[in-house]
Amino acid sequence: MMGDFGNGMGSLGWLGMGVFWLVLVGLIVWLVLQLLPGSRGGGTTRDTGESTLEILDRRMARGEIDTQTWQAQRAALTGATREGR
């Protein structure tokens, strides 16, 4: 009667069940962290600490935009920042 402990599930079965629950709990924690606003991994926007003018200047330096576009966008941004104050 005492030899029937575990209802026939051996040590490998217990180990498999433990791994299953660890993986399941880990996935739930990961999912919750991804869905929370302001979490490190979730979201598509990130705050780099750069101003819009710094980003615009960097794009100009890399050659992503030409001089005319840079001047127009810089004028629009500096005008917008002056009006916002």
PDB file of N, CA and C in Angstrom:
ATOM      1  N   MET A   1       0.798  -1.182   0.000  1.00  0.00           N
ATOM      2  CA  MET A   1       0.000   0.000   0.000  1.00  0.00           C
ATOM      3  C   MET A   1       0.856   1.267   0.000  1.00  0.00           C
ATOM      4  N   MET A   2       1.949   1.275   0.740  1.00  0.00           N
ATOM      5  CA  MET A   2       2.782   2.459   0.829  1.00  0.00           C
ATOM      6  C   MET A   2       3.594   2.657  -0.442  1.00  0.00           C
ATOM      7  N   GLY A   3       3.781   1.636  -1.245  1.00  0.00           N
ATOM      8  CA  GLY A   3       4.558   1.752  -2.467  1.00  0.00           C
ATOM      9  C   GLY A   3       3.799   2.468  -3.573  1.00  0.00           C
ATOM     10  N   ASP A   4       2.567   2.839  -3.333  1.00  0.00           N
ATOM     11  CA  ASP A   4       1.733   3.472  -4.358  1.00  0.00           C
ATOM     12  C   ASP A   4       1.763   4.998  -4.236  1.00  0.00           C
ATOM     13  N   PHE A   5       2.807   5.558  -3.644  1.00  0.00           N
ATOM     14  CA  PHE A   5       2.930   7.006  -3.446  1.00  0.00           C
ATOM     15  C   PHE A   5       3.092   7.714  -4.793  1.00  0.00           C
ATOM     16  N   GLY A   6       2.318   8.737  -5.052  1.00  0.00           N
ATOM     17  CA  GLY A   6       2.428   9.506  -6.280  1.00  0.00           C
ATOM     18  C   GLY A   6       1.542   8.981  -7.393  1.00  0.00           C
ATOM     19  N   ASN A   7       0.784   7.978  -7.124  1.00  0.00           N
ATOM     20  CA  ASN A   7      -0.135   7.393  -8.091  1.00  0.00           C
ATOM     21  C   ASN A   7       0.560   7.021  -9.395  1.00  0.00           C
ATOM     22  N   GLY A   8       1.741   6.445  -9.279  1.00  0.00           N
ATOM     23  CA  GLY A   8       2.427   5.942 -10.456  1.00  0.00           C
ATOM     24  C   GLY A   8       3.272   6.963 -11.183  1.00  0.00           C
ATOM     25  N   MET A   9       3.336   8.208 -10.721  1.00  0.00           N
ATOM     26  CA  MET A   9       4.156   9.216 -11.385  1.00  0.00           C
ATOM     27  C   MET A   9       5.552   9.153 -10.774  1.00  0.00           C
ATOM     28  N   GLY A  10       6.537   8.861 -11.598  1.00  0.00           N
ATOM     29  CA  GLY A  10       7.907   8.739 -11.114  1.00  0.00           C
ATOM     30  C   GLY A  10       8.566  10.089 -10.920  1.00  0.00           C
ATOM     31  N   SER A  11       9.832  10.044 -10.598  1.00  0.00           N
ATOM     32  CA  SER A  11      10.571  11.280 -10.323  1.00  0.00           C
ATOM     33  C   SER A  11      10.684  12.145 -11.577  1.00  0.00           C
ATOM     34  N   LEU A  12      10.743  11.529 -12.735  1.00  0.00           N
ATOM     35  CA  LEU A  12      10.805  12.294 -13.985  1.00  0.00           C
ATOM     36  C   LEU A  12       9.493  13.028 -14.239  1.00  0.00           C
ATOM     37  N   GLY A  13       8.395  12.436 -13.856  1.00  0.00           N
ATOM     38  CA  GLY A  13       7.095  13.096 -13.982  1.00  0.00           C
ATOM     39  C   GLY A  13       6.987  14.305 -13.070  1.00  0.00           C
ATOM     40  N   TRP A  14       7.460  14.149 -11.839  1.00  0.00           N
ATOM     41  CA  TRP A  14       7.445  15.275 -10.903  1.00  0.00           C
ATOM     42  C   TRP A  14       8.345  16.408 -11.391  1.00  0.00           C
ATOM     43  N   LEU A  15       9.508  16.062 -11.911  1.00  0.00           N
ATOM     44  CA  LEU A  15      10.427  17.066 -12.441  1.00  0.00           C
ATOM     45  C   LEU A  15       9.805  17.793 -13.634  1.00  0.00           C
ATOM     46  N   GLY A  16       9.171  17.060 -14.507  1.00  0.00           N
ATOM     47  CA  GLY A  16       8.502  17.662 -15.668  1.00  0.00           C
ATOM     48  C   GLY A  16       7.386  18.599 -15.256  1.00  0.00           C
ATOM     49  N   MET A  17       6.629  18.203 -14.241  1.00  0.00           N
ATOM     50  CA  MET A  17       5.541  19.046 -13.763  1.00  0.00           C
ATOM     51  C   MET A  17       6.096  20.332 -13.136  1.00  0.00           C
ATOM     52  N   GLY A  18       7.184  20.232 -12.404  1.00  0.00           N
ATOM     53  CA  GLY A  18       7.801  21.412 -11.803  1.00  0.00           C
ATOM     54  C   GLY A  18       8.319  22.371 -12.863  1.00  0.00           C
ATOM     55  N   VAL A  19       8.966  21.837 -13.889  1.00  0.00           N
ATOM     56  CA  VAL A  19       9.466  22.676 -14.984  1.00  0.00           C
ATOM     57  C   VAL A  19       8.310  23.346 -15.714  1.00  0.00           C
ATOM     58  N   PHE A  20       7.239  22.612 -15.951  1.00  0.00           N
ATOM     59  CA  PHE A  20       6.068  23.174 -16.612  1.00  0.00           C
ATOM     60  C   PHE A  20       5.534  24.375 -15.852  1.00  0.00           C
ATOM     61  N   TRP A  21       5.381  24.251 -14.530  1.00  0.00           N
ATOM     62  CA  TRP A  21       4.823  25.352 -13.739  1.00  0.00           C
ATOM     63  C   TRP A  21       5.783  26.533 -13.674  1.00  0.00           C
ATOM     64  N   LEU A  22       7.092  26.280 -13.604  1.00  0.00           N
ATOM     65  CA  LEU A  22       8.063  27.377 -13.614  1.00  0.00           C
ATOM     66  C   LEU A  22       8.005  28.158 -14.926  1.00  0.00           C
ATOM     67  N   VAL A  23       7.912  27.442 -16.038  1.00  0.00           N
ATOM     68  CA  VAL A  23       7.820  28.100 -17.341  1.00  0.00           C
ATOM     69  C   VAL A  23       6.513  28.875 -17.450  1.00  0.00           C
ATOM     70  N   LEU A  24       5.426  28.306 -16.997  1.00  0.00           N
ATOM     71  CA  LEU A  24       4.129  28.979 -17.073  1.00  0.00           C
ATOM     72  C   LEU A  24       4.118  30.261 -16.231  1.00  0.00           C
ATOM     73  N   VAL A  25       4.612  30.201 -15.022  1.00  0.00           N
ATOM     74  CA  VAL A  25       4.659  31.392 -14.169  1.00  0.00           C
ATOM     75  C   VAL A  25       5.597  32.430 -14.767  1.00  0.00           C
ATOM     76  N   GLY A  26       6.733  31.995 -15.309  1.00  0.00           N
ATOM     77  CA  GLY A  26       7.664  32.919 -15.950  1.00  0.00           C
ATOM     78  C   GLY A  26       7.035  33.636 -17.135  1.00  0.00           C
ATOM     79  N   LEU A  27       6.278  32.922 -17.955  1.00  0.00           N
ATOM     80  CA  LEU A  27       5.593  33.538 -19.095  1.00  0.00           C
ATOM     81  C   LEU A  27       4.540  34.547 -18.646  1.00  0.00           C
ATOM     82  N   ILE A  28       3.824  34.238 -17.595  1.00  0.00           N
ATOM     83  CA  ILE A  28       2.811  35.159 -17.088  1.00  0.00           C
ATOM     84  C   ILE A  28       3.468  36.435 -16.566  1.00  0.00           C
ATOM     85  N   VAL A  29       4.559  36.302 -15.820  1.00  0.00           N
ATOM     86  CA  VAL A  29       5.265  37.477 -15.300  1.00  0.00           C
ATOM     87  C   VAL A  29       5.804  38.315 -16.459  1.00  0.00           C
ATOM     88  N   TRP A  30       6.404  37.666 -17.462  1.00  0.00           N
ATOM     89  CA  TRP A  30       6.943  38.375 -18.625  1.00  0.00           C
ATOM     90  C   TRP A  30       5.829  39.127 -19.358  1.00  0.00           C
ATOM     91  N   LEU A  31       4.698  38.491 -19.542  1.00  0.00           N
ATOM     92  CA  LEU A  31       3.580  39.117 -20.246  1.00  0.00           C
ATOM     93  C   LEU A  31       3.058  40.335 -19.485  1.00  0.00           C
ATOM     94  N   VAL A  32       2.917  40.205 -18.179  1.00  0.00           N
ATOM     95  CA  VAL A  32       2.444  41.330 -17.366  1.00  0.00           C
ATOM     96  C   VAL A  32       3.422  42.492 -17.452  1.00  0.00           C
ATOM     97  N   LEU A  33       4.723  42.218 -17.389  1.00  0.00           N
ATOM     98  CA  LEU A  33       5.728  43.281 -17.482  1.00  0.00           C
ATOM     99  C   LEU A  33       5.711  43.954 -18.851  1.00  0.00           C
ATOM    100  N   GLN A  34       5.431  43.210 -19.904  1.00  0.00           N
ATOM    101  CA  GLN A  34       5.368  43.785 -21.246  1.00  0.00           C
ATOM    102  C   GLN A  34       4.148  44.670 -21.422  1.00  0.00           C
ATOM    103  N   LEU A  35       3.060  44.350 -20.756  1.00  0.00           N
ATOM    104  CA  LEU A  35       1.818  45.096 -20.925  1.00  0.00           C
ATOM    105  C   LEU A  35       1.723  46.327 -20.027  1.00  0.00           C
ATOM    106  N   LEU A  36       2.530  46.387 -18.985  1.00  0.00           N
ATOM    107  CA  LEU A  36       2.474  47.536 -18.088  1.00  0.00           C
ATOM    108  C   LEU A  36       3.061  48.766 -18.767  1.00  0.00           C
ATOM    109  N   PRO A  37       2.397  49.914 -18.637  1.00  0.00           N
ATOM    110  CA  PRO A  37       2.969  51.135 -19.220  1.00  0.00           C
ATOM    111  C   PRO A  37       4.195  51.549 -18.429  1.00  0.00           C
ATOM    112  N   GLY A  38       5.191  52.031 -19.160  1.00  0.00           N
ATOM    113  CA  GLY A  38       6.411  52.487 -18.520  1.00  0.00           C
ATOM    114  C   GLY A  38       7.384  51.379 -18.187  1.00  0.00           C
ATOM    115  N   SER A  39       7.105  50.169 -18.621  1.00  0.00           N
ATOM    116  CA  SER A  39       8.056  49.096 -18.381  1.00  0.00           C
ATOM    117  C   SER A  39       9.208  49.207 -19.363  1.00  0.00           C
ATOM    118  N   ARG A  40      10.326  48.616 -19.017  1.00  0.00           N
ATOM    119  CA  ARG A  40      11.511  48.741 -19.857  1.00  0.00           C
ATOM    120  C   ARG A  40      11.326  48.060 -21.205  1.00  0.00           C
ATOM    121  N   GLY A  41      10.735  46.932 -21.264  1.00  0.00           N
ATOM    122  CA  GLY A  41      10.657  46.188 -22.495  1.00  0.00           C
ATOM    123  C   GLY A  41       9.498  46.496 -23.381  1.00  0.00           C
ATOM    124  N   GLY A  42       8.422  46.970 -22.807  1.00  0.00           N
ATOM    125  CA  GLY A  42       7.215  47.169 -23.560  1.00  0.00           C
ATOM    126  C   GLY A  42       7.135  48.513 -24.193  1.00  0.00           C
ATOM    127  N   GLY A  43       6.217  48.701 -25.103  1.00  0.00           N
ATOM    128  CA  GLY A  43       6.026  50.000 -25.730  1.00  0.00           C
ATOM    129  C   GLY A  43       6.937  50.206 -26.911  1.00  0.00           C
ATOM    130  N   THR A  44       6.541  51.121 -27.771  1.00  0.00           N
ATOM    131  CA  THR A  44       7.343  51.362 -28.958  1.00  0.00           C
ATOM    132  C   THR A  44       8.112  52.668 -28.870  1.00  0.00           C
ATOM    133  N   THR A  45       7.788  53.526 -27.936  1.00  0.00           N
ATOM    134  CA  THR A  45       8.496  54.787 -27.818  1.00  0.00           C
ATOM    135  C   THR A  45       9.521  54.675 -26.713  1.00  0.00           C
ATOM    136  N   ARG A  46      10.595  55.426 -26.862  1.00  0.00           N
ATOM    137  CA  ARG A  46      11.608  55.448 -25.824  1.00  0.00           C
ATOM    138  C   ARG A  46      12.112  56.863 -25.656  1.00  0.00           C
ATOM    139  N   ASP A  47      12.440  57.206 -24.451  1.00  0.00           N
ATOM    140  CA  ASP A  47      12.929  58.536 -24.149  1.00  0.00           C
ATOM    141  C   ASP A  47      14.446  58.493 -24.142  1.00  0.00           C
ATOM    142  N   THR A  48      15.066  59.120 -25.137  1.00  0.00           N
ATOM    143  CA  THR A  48      16.518  59.120 -25.230  1.00  0.00           C
ATOM    144  C   THR A  48      17.123  60.327 -24.554  1.00  0.00           C
ATOM    145  N   GLY A  49      16.311  61.279 -24.151  1.00  0.00           N
ATOM    146  CA  GLY A  49      16.814  62.472 -23.506  1.00  0.00           C
ATOM    147  C   GLY A  49      17.270  63.532 -24.495  1.00  0.00           C
ATOM    148  N   GLU A  50      17.117  63.278 -25.777  1.00  0.00           N
ATOM    149  CA  GLU A  50      17.521  64.237 -26.793  1.00  0.00           C
ATOM    150  C   GLU A  50      16.351  65.154 -27.124  1.00  0.00           C
ATOM    151  N   SER A  51      16.690  66.394 -27.414  1.00  0.00           N
ATOM    152  CA  SER A  51      15.651  67.311 -27.852  1.00  0.00           C
ATOM    153  C   SER A  51      15.375  67.063 -29.336  1.00  0.00           C
ATOM    154  N   THR A  52      14.273  67.620 -29.808  1.00  0.00           N
ATOM    155  CA  THR A  52      13.927  67.461 -31.221  1.00  0.00           C
ATOM    156  C   THR A  52      14.964  68.120 -32.120  1.00  0.00           C
ATOM    157  N   LEU A  53      15.548  69.208 -31.663  1.00  0.00           N
ATOM    158  CA  LEU A  53      16.585  69.870 -32.466  1.00  0.00           C
ATOM    159  C   LEU A  53      17.846  69.021 -32.560  1.00  0.00           C
ATOM    160  N   GLU A  54      18.203  68.344 -31.495  1.00  0.00           N
ATOM    161  CA  GLU A  54      19.367  67.453 -31.536  1.00  0.00           C
ATOM    162  C   GLU A  54      19.142  66.288 -32.492  1.00  0.00           C
ATOM    163  N   ILE A  55      17.941  65.758 -32.484  1.00  0.00           N
ATOM    164  CA  ILE A  55      17.615  64.658 -33.401  1.00  0.00           C
ATOM    165  C   ILE A  55      17.664  65.156 -34.841  1.00  0.00           C
ATOM    166  N   LEU A  56      17.119  66.334 -35.074  1.00  0.00           N
ATOM    167  CA  LEU A  56      17.133  66.910 -36.426  1.00  0.00           C
ATOM    168  C   LEU A  56      18.567  67.153 -36.886  1.00  0.00           C
ATOM    169  N   ASP A  57      19.402  67.703 -36.021  1.00  0.00           N
ATOM    170  CA  ASP A  57      20.803  67.945 -36.369  1.00  0.00           C
ATOM    171  C   ASP A  57      21.535  66.635 -36.664  1.00  0.00           C
ATOM    172  N   ARG A  58      21.262  65.601 -35.889  1.00  0.00           N
ATOM    173  CA  ARG A  58      21.892  64.304 -36.118  1.00  0.00           C
ATOM    174  C   ARG A  58      21.465  63.715 -37.463  1.00  0.00           C
ATOM    175  N   ARG A  59      20.188  63.857 -37.804  1.00  0.00           N
ATOM    176  CA  ARG A  59      19.712  63.373 -39.107  1.00  0.00           C
ATOM    177  C   ARG A  59      20.397  64.114 -40.250  1.00  0.00           C
ATOM    178  N   MET A  60      20.624  65.409 -40.079  1.00  0.00           N
ATOM    179  CA  MET A  60      21.320  66.204 -41.092  1.00  0.00           C
ATOM    180  C   MET A  60      22.769  65.738 -41.217  1.00  0.00           C
ATOM    181  N   ALA A  61      23.412  65.481 -40.093  1.00  0.00           N
ATOM    182  CA  ALA A  61      24.804  65.041 -40.104  1.00  0.00           C
ATOM    183  C   ALA A  61      24.961  63.674 -40.760  1.00  0.00           C
ATOM    184  N   ARG A  62      23.978  62.810 -40.608  1.00  0.00           N
ATOM    185  CA  ARG A  62      24.035  61.486 -41.223  1.00  0.00           C
ATOM    186  C   ARG A  62      23.662  61.495 -42.698  1.00  0.00           C
ATOM    187  N   GLY A  63      23.122  62.617 -43.152  1.00  0.00           N
ATOM    188  CA  GLY A  63      22.727  62.705 -44.554  1.00  0.00           C
ATOM    189  C   GLY A  63      21.343  62.169 -44.842  1.00  0.00           C
ATOM    190  N   GLU A  64      20.536  61.998 -43.833  1.00  0.00           N
ATOM    191  CA  GLU A  64      19.180  61.493 -44.033  1.00  0.00           C
ATOM    192  C   GLU A  64      18.276  62.553 -44.648  1.00  0.00           C
ATOM    193  N   ILE A  65      18.568  63.824 -44.388  1.00  0.00           N
ATOM    194  CA  ILE A  65      17.773  64.921 -44.945  1.00  0.00           C
ATOM    195  C   ILE A  65      18.718  65.925 -45.590  1.00  0.00           C
ATOM    196  N   ASP A  66      18.187  66.684 -46.550  1.00  0.00           N
ATOM    197  CA  ASP A  66      19.021  67.686 -47.212  1.00  0.00           C
ATOM    198  C   ASP A  66      18.953  69.015 -46.464  1.00  0.00           C
ATOM    199  N   THR A  67      19.742  69.974 -46.930  1.00  0.00           N
ATOM    200  CA  THR A  67      19.870  71.262 -46.237  1.00  0.00           C
ATOM    201  C   THR A  67      18.560  72.026 -46.212  1.00  0.00           C
ATOM    202  N   GLN A  68      17.832  72.023 -47.313  1.00  0.00           N
ATOM    203  CA  GLN A  68      16.568  72.764 -47.364  1.00  0.00           C
ATOM    204  C   GLN A  68      15.553  72.187 -46.372  1.00  0.00           C
ATOM    205  N   THR A  69      15.454  70.887 -46.340  1.00  0.00           N
ATOM    206  CA  THR A  69      14.537  70.240 -45.405  1.00  0.00           C
ATOM    207  C   THR A  69      14.954  70.529 -43.970  1.00  0.00           C
ATOM    208  N   TRP A  70      16.261  70.455 -43.712  1.00  0.00           N
ATOM    209  CA  TRP A  70      16.774  70.724 -42.368  1.00  0.00           C
ATOM    210  C   TRP A  70      16.434  72.151 -41.926  1.00  0.00           C
ATOM    211  N   GLN A  71      16.658  73.117 -42.827  1.00  0.00           N
ATOM    212  CA  GLN A  71      16.384  74.512 -42.495  1.00  0.00           C
ATOM    213  C   GLN A  71      14.891  74.734 -42.235  1.00  0.00           C
ATOM    214  N   ALA A  72      14.050  74.150 -43.072  1.00  0.00           N
ATOM    215  CA  ALA A  72      12.606  74.329 -42.910  1.00  0.00           C
ATOM    216  C   ALA A  72      12.123  73.707 -41.600  1.00  0.00           C
ATOM    217  N   GLN A  73      12.587  72.506 -41.314  1.00  0.00           N
ATOM    218  CA  GLN A  73      12.153  71.838 -40.089  1.00  0.00           C
ATOM    219  C   GLN A  73      12.721  72.522 -38.853  1.00  0.00           C
ATOM    220  N   ARG A  74      13.957  72.986 -38.940  1.00  0.00           N
ATOM    221  CA  ARG A  74      14.557  73.700 -37.800  1.00  0.00           C
ATOM    222  C   ARG A  74      13.811  75.010 -37.522  1.00  0.00           C
ATOM    223  N   ALA A  75      13.444  75.723 -38.598  1.00  0.00           N
ATOM    224  CA  ALA A  75      12.689  76.969 -38.421  1.00  0.00           C
ATOM    225  C   ALA A  75      11.323  76.679 -37.805  1.00  0.00           C
ATOM    226  N   ALA A  76      10.691  75.606 -38.262  1.00  0.00           N
ATOM    227  CA  ALA A  76       9.381  75.249 -37.704  1.00  0.00           C
ATOM    228  C   ALA A  76       9.503  74.872 -36.230  1.00  0.00           C
ATOM    229  N   LEU A  77      10.558  74.133 -35.876  1.00  0.00           N
ATOM    230  CA  LEU A  77      10.728  73.721 -34.482  1.00  0.00           C
ATOM    231  C   LEU A  77      11.099  74.889 -33.581  1.00  0.00           C
ATOM    232  N   THR A  78      11.975  75.753 -34.032  1.00  0.00           N
ATOM    233  CA  THR A  78      12.351  76.889 -33.188  1.00  0.00           C
ATOM    234  C   THR A  78      11.197  77.864 -33.058  1.00  0.00           C
ATOM    235  N   GLY A  79      10.401  78.014 -34.114  1.00  0.00           N
ATOM    236  CA  GLY A  79       9.212  78.851 -34.015  1.00  0.00           C
ATOM    237  C   GLY A  79       8.192  78.255 -33.066  1.00  0.00           C
ATOM    238  N   ALA A  80       8.055  76.942 -33.102  1.00  0.00           N
ATOM    239  CA  ALA A  80       7.095  76.265 -32.222  1.00  0.00           C
ATOM    240  C   ALA A  80       7.548  76.350 -30.774  1.00  0.00           C
ATOM    241  N   THR A  81       8.849  76.269 -30.523  1.00  0.00           N
ATOM    242  CA  THR A  81       9.318  76.317 -29.148  1.00  0.00           C
ATOM    243  C   THR A  81       9.227  77.723 -28.588  1.00  0.00           C
ATOM    244  N   ARG A  82       9.393  78.719 -29.423  1.00  0.00           N
ATOM    245  CA  ARG A  82       9.254  80.104 -28.965  1.00  0.00           C
ATOM    246  C   ARG A  82       7.804  80.413 -28.629  1.00  0.00           C
ATOM    247  N   GLU A  83       6.875  79.909 -29.458  1.00  0.00           N
ATOM    248  CA  GLU A  83       5.457  80.160 -29.204  1.00  0.00           C
ATOM    249  C   GLU A  83       4.977  79.416 -27.978  1.00  0.00           C
ATOM    250  N   GLY A  84       5.578  78.259 -27.696  1.00  0.00           N
ATOM    251  CA  GLY A  84       5.149  77.440 -26.558  1.00  0.00           C
ATOM    252  C   GLY A  84       5.575  78.012 -25.224  1.00  0.00           C
ATOM    253  N   ARG A  85       6.510  78.933 -25.192  1.00  0.00           N
ATOM    254  CA  ARG A  85       7.002  79.483 -23.922  1.00  0.00           C
ATOM    255  C   ARG A  85       6.118  80.511 -23.357  1.00  0.00           C
TER     256      ARG A  85
END
